[in-house]
Amino acid sequence: MARVIDFRWPDLEWRGIDDPSHACELLEIYAGPHNEPGEERFQLTVCTPSALAEQLRRHPFLIGRHWLFVPELRPAEVTRWLNDRIGVMEARTWTELAAKIGRIGQSEFED
């Protein structure tokens, strides 16, 4: 079973969110196996529809893997939602579990 150890919003550590309805931010998820040591970092981009539209105006092609779309960026709500989903994931090995979490966020060891 998985456990979330921590969440980190690297860019929000030094600035806040100007407009929660227009935001696109990197989120790092630190997760590991339940009742065992160790953790991995997984990353995803949390983005609102208007921020996505702005991104597409600047870059007409975006790869949508490891993006989470929300109507408004509310960090506490996003992390609570992710914690609930990751916390119930199960697999026989950490490698299999990390692969499941990796479907949500890019693993630090991916590729």
N, C-alpha and C. Protein backbone atom coordinates (compact mmCIF):
# COMPACT_ATOMS: atom_id res chain seq x y z
N MET A 1 0.84 -1.18 0.00
CA MET A 1 0.00 0.00 0.00
C MET A 1 0.90 1.25 0.00
N ALA A 2 0.42 2.28 -0.68
CA ALA A 2 1.20 3.52 -0.80
C ALA A 2 0.89 4.48 0.35
N ARG A 3 1.83 5.36 0.59
CA ARG A 3 1.60 6.45 1.55
C ARG A 3 2.24 7.70 1.00
N VAL A 4 1.52 8.80 1.14
CA VAL A 4 2.08 10.09 0.74
C VAL A 4 2.83 10.64 1.93
N ILE A 5 4.07 11.01 1.72
CA ILE A 5 4.91 11.55 2.78
C ILE A 5 4.80 13.07 2.81
N ASP A 6 4.77 13.68 1.62
CA ASP A 6 4.72 15.14 1.58
C ASP A 6 4.32 15.60 0.19
N PHE A 7 3.84 16.82 0.12
CA PHE A 7 3.57 17.53 -1.13
C PHE A 7 4.40 18.81 -1.09
N ARG A 8 4.84 19.23 -2.26
CA ARG A 8 5.61 20.47 -2.33
C ARG A 8 5.23 21.20 -3.61
N TRP A 9 4.92 22.48 -3.47
CA TRP A 9 4.64 23.36 -4.60
C TRP A 9 5.87 24.27 -4.73
N PRO A 10 6.91 23.87 -5.48
CA PRO A 10 8.18 24.60 -5.49
C PRO A 10 8.05 26.10 -5.78
N ASP A 11 7.27 26.46 -6.78
CA ASP A 11 7.18 27.88 -7.14
C ASP A 11 6.30 28.68 -6.18
N LEU A 12 5.40 28.02 -5.51
CA LEU A 12 4.52 28.72 -4.57
C LEU A 12 5.19 28.96 -3.22
N GLU A 13 6.37 28.39 -3.02
CA GLU A 13 7.10 28.61 -1.77
C GLU A 13 7.59 30.05 -1.66
N TRP A 14 7.80 30.70 -2.79
CA TRP A 14 8.31 32.07 -2.76
C TRP A 14 7.32 33.09 -3.29
N ARG A 15 6.17 32.62 -3.77
CA ARG A 15 5.12 33.54 -4.20
C ARG A 15 3.77 32.84 -4.04
N GLY A 16 2.74 33.60 -3.94
CA GLY A 16 1.41 33.03 -3.81
C GLY A 16 0.73 32.88 -5.17
N ILE A 17 -0.52 32.50 -5.11
CA ILE A 17 -1.33 32.37 -6.33
C ILE A 17 -2.07 33.70 -6.52
N ASP A 18 -1.81 34.36 -7.63
CA ASP A 18 -2.49 35.63 -7.92
C ASP A 18 -3.97 35.41 -8.19
N ASP A 19 -4.27 34.43 -9.02
CA ASP A 19 -5.66 34.17 -9.43
C ASP A 19 -5.88 32.66 -9.46
N PRO A 20 -6.58 32.10 -8.49
CA PRO A 20 -6.79 30.64 -8.45
C PRO A 20 -7.52 30.09 -9.68
N SER A 21 -8.26 30.94 -10.40
CA SER A 21 -8.97 30.46 -11.59
C SER A 21 -8.10 30.52 -12.84
N HIS A 22 -6.89 31.07 -12.70
CA HIS A 22 -5.95 31.16 -13.83
C HIS A 22 -4.55 30.85 -13.30
N ALA A 23 -4.27 29.55 -13.19
CA ALA A 23 -2.99 29.14 -12.60
C ALA A 23 -2.50 27.85 -13.24
N CYS A 24 -1.19 27.72 -13.28
CA CYS A 24 -0.55 26.51 -13.80
C CYS A 24 0.73 26.33 -12.98
N GLU A 25 0.73 25.32 -12.11
CA GLU A 25 1.83 25.17 -11.15
C GLU A 25 2.33 23.73 -11.07
N LEU A 26 3.62 23.60 -10.83
CA LEU A 26 4.24 22.30 -10.61
C LEU A 26 3.95 21.84 -9.19
N LEU A 27 3.58 20.57 -9.07
CA LEU A 27 3.37 19.94 -7.76
C LEU A 27 4.28 18.73 -7.66
N GLU A 28 5.02 18.64 -6.57
CA GLU A 28 5.83 17.46 -6.31
C GLU A 28 5.14 16.63 -5.23
N ILE A 29 5.05 15.33 -5.49
CA ILE A 29 4.46 14.39 -4.54
C ILE A 29 5.58 13.47 -4.08
N TYR A 30 5.77 13.37 -2.79
CA TYR A 30 6.76 12.45 -2.23
C TYR A 30 5.98 11.29 -1.63
N ALA A 31 6.18 10.10 -2.19
CA ALA A 31 5.41 8.93 -1.76
C ALA A 31 6.33 7.73 -1.62
N GLY A 32 5.90 6.82 -0.77
CA GLY A 32 6.65 5.60 -0.55
C GLY A 32 5.74 4.48 -0.11
N PRO A 33 6.31 3.31 0.13
CA PRO A 33 5.50 2.18 0.58
C PRO A 33 5.09 2.36 2.04
N HIS A 34 3.88 1.96 2.35
CA HIS A 34 3.36 2.04 3.72
C HIS A 34 4.16 1.11 4.62
N ASN A 35 4.55 1.58 5.80
CA ASN A 35 5.30 0.81 6.80
C ASN A 35 6.68 0.35 6.33
N GLU A 36 7.25 1.05 5.35
CA GLU A 36 8.62 0.77 4.91
C GLU A 36 9.33 2.09 4.68
N PRO A 37 10.65 2.10 4.82
CA PRO A 37 11.39 3.35 4.57
C PRO A 37 11.48 3.64 3.07
N GLY A 38 11.79 4.85 2.76
CA GLY A 38 12.03 5.24 1.38
C GLY A 38 10.89 6.03 0.78
N GLU A 39 11.24 6.80 -0.23
CA GLU A 39 10.26 7.61 -0.93
C GLU A 39 10.80 7.93 -2.31
N GLU A 40 9.90 8.28 -3.20
CA GLU A 40 10.25 8.78 -4.52
C GLU A 40 9.51 10.08 -4.75
N ARG A 41 10.05 10.88 -5.63
CA ARG A 41 9.38 12.12 -6.01
C ARG A 41 8.65 11.91 -7.33
N PHE A 42 7.41 12.34 -7.36
CA PHE A 42 6.60 12.33 -8.56
C PHE A 42 6.18 13.77 -8.82
N GLN A 43 6.12 14.16 -10.08
CA GLN A 43 5.77 15.55 -10.41
C GLN A 43 4.61 15.58 -11.38
N LEU A 44 3.74 16.57 -11.19
CA LEU A 44 2.70 16.82 -12.16
C LEU A 44 2.41 18.31 -12.20
N THR A 45 1.81 18.73 -13.28
CA THR A 45 1.43 20.12 -13.46
C THR A 45 -0.05 20.24 -13.19
N VAL A 46 -0.42 21.14 -12.29
CA VAL A 46 -1.82 21.39 -11.97
C VAL A 46 -2.20 22.68 -12.69
N CYS A 47 -3.25 22.60 -13.51
CA CYS A 47 -3.55 23.70 -14.41
C CYS A 47 -5.05 23.94 -14.51
N THR A 48 -5.42 25.21 -14.60
CA THR A 48 -6.82 25.58 -14.81
C THR A 48 -7.08 25.72 -16.32
N PRO A 49 -8.34 25.65 -16.73
CA PRO A 49 -8.64 25.77 -18.18
C PRO A 49 -8.13 27.07 -18.81
N SER A 50 -8.27 28.19 -18.14
CA SER A 50 -7.82 29.45 -18.75
C SER A 50 -6.29 29.49 -18.87
N ALA A 51 -5.60 28.92 -17.91
CA ALA A 51 -4.13 28.87 -17.99
C ALA A 51 -3.70 27.92 -19.11
N LEU A 52 -4.45 26.83 -19.29
CA LEU A 52 -4.16 25.93 -20.40
C LEU A 52 -4.36 26.63 -21.73
N ALA A 53 -5.43 27.39 -21.87
CA ALA A 53 -5.67 28.13 -23.10
C ALA A 53 -4.53 29.10 -23.38
N GLU A 54 -4.03 29.76 -22.34
CA GLU A 54 -2.89 30.66 -22.52
C GLU A 54 -1.65 29.90 -22.96
N GLN A 55 -1.40 28.75 -22.34
CA GLN A 55 -0.26 27.92 -22.73
C GLN A 55 -0.36 27.54 -24.21
N LEU A 56 -1.57 27.18 -24.65
CA LEU A 56 -1.76 26.76 -26.04
C LEU A 56 -1.58 27.90 -27.03
N ARG A 57 -1.85 29.11 -26.61
CA ARG A 57 -1.61 30.26 -27.49
C ARG A 57 -0.10 30.44 -27.72
N ARG A 58 0.69 30.16 -26.70
CA ARG A 58 2.15 30.31 -26.82
C ARG A 58 2.81 29.08 -27.43
N HIS A 59 2.26 27.90 -27.14
CA HIS A 59 2.82 26.63 -27.62
C HIS A 59 1.66 25.81 -28.17
N PRO A 60 1.47 25.79 -29.48
CA PRO A 60 0.28 25.17 -30.04
C PRO A 60 0.18 23.66 -29.84
N PHE A 61 1.25 23.02 -29.37
CA PHE A 61 1.21 21.58 -29.10
C PHE A 61 1.76 21.35 -27.70
N LEU A 62 0.99 20.69 -26.86
CA LEU A 62 1.42 20.33 -25.51
C LEU A 62 1.16 18.84 -25.30
N ILE A 63 2.07 18.18 -24.66
CA ILE A 63 1.86 16.79 -24.29
C ILE A 63 1.14 16.80 -22.95
N GLY A 64 0.01 16.14 -22.87
CA GLY A 64 -0.84 16.22 -21.68
C GLY A 64 -0.56 15.20 -20.60
N ARG A 65 0.51 14.47 -20.70
CA ARG A 65 0.82 13.47 -19.69
C ARG A 65 1.27 14.15 -18.40
N HIS A 66 0.77 13.66 -17.28
CA HIS A 66 1.13 14.16 -15.95
C HIS A 66 0.63 15.59 -15.71
N TRP A 67 -0.54 15.88 -16.22
CA TRP A 67 -1.22 17.15 -15.96
C TRP A 67 -2.50 16.83 -15.21
N LEU A 68 -2.86 17.67 -14.28
CA LEU A 68 -4.12 17.57 -13.56
C LEU A 68 -4.86 18.87 -13.79
N PHE A 69 -6.06 18.79 -14.32
CA PHE A 69 -6.84 19.99 -14.62
C PHE A 69 -7.89 20.21 -13.55
N VAL A 70 -7.95 21.43 -13.07
CA VAL A 70 -8.87 21.81 -11.99
C VAL A 70 -9.55 23.13 -12.36
N PRO A 71 -10.78 23.34 -11.88
CA PRO A 71 -11.44 24.61 -12.20
C PRO A 71 -10.76 25.81 -11.52
N GLU A 72 -10.25 25.59 -10.31
CA GLU A 72 -9.49 26.60 -9.57
C GLU A 72 -8.37 25.90 -8.82
N LEU A 73 -7.23 26.57 -8.73
CA LEU A 73 -6.10 25.98 -8.01
C LEU A 73 -6.21 26.31 -6.53
N ARG A 74 -6.63 25.35 -5.77
CA ARG A 74 -6.70 25.41 -4.32
C ARG A 74 -5.77 24.32 -3.80
N PRO A 75 -4.51 24.68 -3.46
CA PRO A 75 -3.51 23.67 -3.10
C PRO A 75 -3.98 22.66 -2.06
N ALA A 76 -4.64 23.10 -1.02
CA ALA A 76 -5.07 22.15 0.03
C ALA A 76 -6.07 21.15 -0.51
N GLU A 77 -6.98 21.59 -1.37
CA GLU A 77 -7.97 20.67 -1.95
C GLU A 77 -7.31 19.69 -2.91
N VAL A 78 -6.37 20.17 -3.72
CA VAL A 78 -5.66 19.30 -4.66
C VAL A 78 -4.87 18.24 -3.91
N THR A 79 -4.13 18.63 -2.91
CA THR A 79 -3.31 17.65 -2.18
C THR A 79 -4.17 16.66 -1.40
N ARG A 80 -5.28 17.12 -0.86
CA ARG A 80 -6.19 16.20 -0.15
C ARG A 80 -6.76 15.17 -1.13
N TRP A 81 -7.18 15.62 -2.31
CA TRP A 81 -7.74 14.73 -3.33
C TRP A 81 -6.69 13.70 -3.77
N LEU A 82 -5.47 14.15 -4.03
CA LEU A 82 -4.41 13.23 -4.44
C LEU A 82 -4.03 12.27 -3.32
N ASN A 83 -3.96 12.77 -2.10
CA ASN A 83 -3.62 11.92 -0.96
C ASN A 83 -4.64 10.78 -0.82
N ASP A 84 -5.92 11.10 -0.99
CA ASP A 84 -6.96 10.08 -0.90
C ASP A 84 -6.80 9.01 -1.98
N ARG A 85 -6.44 9.41 -3.18
CA ARG A 85 -6.29 8.45 -4.28
C ARG A 85 -5.02 7.62 -4.17
N ILE A 86 -3.93 8.25 -3.83
CA ILE A 86 -2.67 7.52 -3.72
C ILE A 86 -2.67 6.61 -2.50
N GLY A 87 -3.28 7.06 -1.41
CA GLY A 87 -3.28 6.30 -0.17
C GLY A 87 -3.99 4.97 -0.22
N VAL A 88 -4.80 4.72 -1.24
CA VAL A 88 -5.50 3.44 -1.35
C VAL A 88 -4.89 2.52 -2.41
N MET A 89 -3.85 2.98 -3.07
CA MET A 89 -3.20 2.15 -4.09
C MET A 89 -2.47 0.99 -3.43
N GLU A 90 -2.56 -0.16 -4.06
CA GLU A 90 -1.89 -1.36 -3.54
C GLU A 90 -1.20 -2.10 -4.68
N ALA A 91 -0.12 -2.78 -4.34
CA ALA A 91 0.60 -3.64 -5.28
C ALA A 91 1.50 -4.57 -4.45
N ARG A 92 1.99 -5.61 -5.08
CA ARG A 92 2.84 -6.57 -4.37
C ARG A 92 4.22 -6.03 -4.05
N THR A 93 4.75 -5.16 -4.94
CA THR A 93 6.09 -4.61 -4.74
C THR A 93 6.05 -3.09 -4.86
N TRP A 94 7.11 -2.46 -4.34
CA TRP A 94 7.19 -1.01 -4.47
C TRP A 94 7.33 -0.61 -5.94
N THR A 95 8.02 -1.38 -6.73
CA THR A 95 8.18 -1.08 -8.15
C THR A 95 6.82 -1.02 -8.84
N GLU A 96 5.97 -1.99 -8.55
CA GLU A 96 4.63 -2.01 -9.14
C GLU A 96 3.78 -0.85 -8.61
N LEU A 97 3.94 -0.55 -7.33
CA LEU A 97 3.21 0.55 -6.73
C LEU A 97 3.66 1.89 -7.30
N ALA A 98 4.96 2.06 -7.45
CA ALA A 98 5.51 3.29 -8.03
C ALA A 98 5.02 3.48 -9.47
N ALA A 99 4.87 2.38 -10.20
CA ALA A 99 4.35 2.47 -11.57
C ALA A 99 2.92 2.98 -11.57
N LYS A 100 2.12 2.56 -10.60
CA LYS A 100 0.74 3.05 -10.50
C LYS A 100 0.71 4.54 -10.16
N ILE A 101 1.54 4.95 -9.21
CA ILE A 101 1.60 6.37 -8.86
C ILE A 101 2.13 7.17 -10.05
N GLY A 102 3.04 6.56 -10.80
CA GLY A 102 3.61 7.20 -11.97
C GLY A 102 2.60 7.48 -13.08
N ARG A 103 1.43 6.87 -13.01
CA ARG A 103 0.38 7.19 -13.96
C ARG A 103 -0.21 8.56 -13.65
N ILE A 104 -0.06 9.00 -12.41
CA ILE A 104 -0.55 10.31 -11.99
C ILE A 104 0.55 11.36 -12.20
N GLY A 105 1.71 11.12 -11.63
CA GLY A 105 2.81 12.08 -11.72
C GLY A 105 4.07 11.41 -12.23
N GLN A 106 4.89 12.16 -12.91
CA GLN A 106 6.13 11.63 -13.47
C GLN A 106 7.09 11.26 -12.36
N SER A 107 7.58 10.03 -12.39
CA SER A 107 8.53 9.55 -11.39
C SER A 107 9.89 10.17 -11.64
N GLU A 108 10.62 10.40 -10.55
CA GLU A 108 11.97 10.93 -10.70
C GLU A 108 12.87 9.96 -11.45
N PHE A 109 12.50 8.67 -11.50
CA PHE A 109 13.33 7.66 -12.18
C PHE A 109 12.75 7.26 -13.53
N GLU A 110 11.70 7.93 -13.96
CA GLU A 110 11.09 7.61 -15.25
C GLU A 110 12.03 7.93 -16.36
N ASP A 111 11.97 7.15 -17.42
CA ASP A 111 12.80 7.31 -18.61
C ASP A 111 14.24 7.01 -18.29
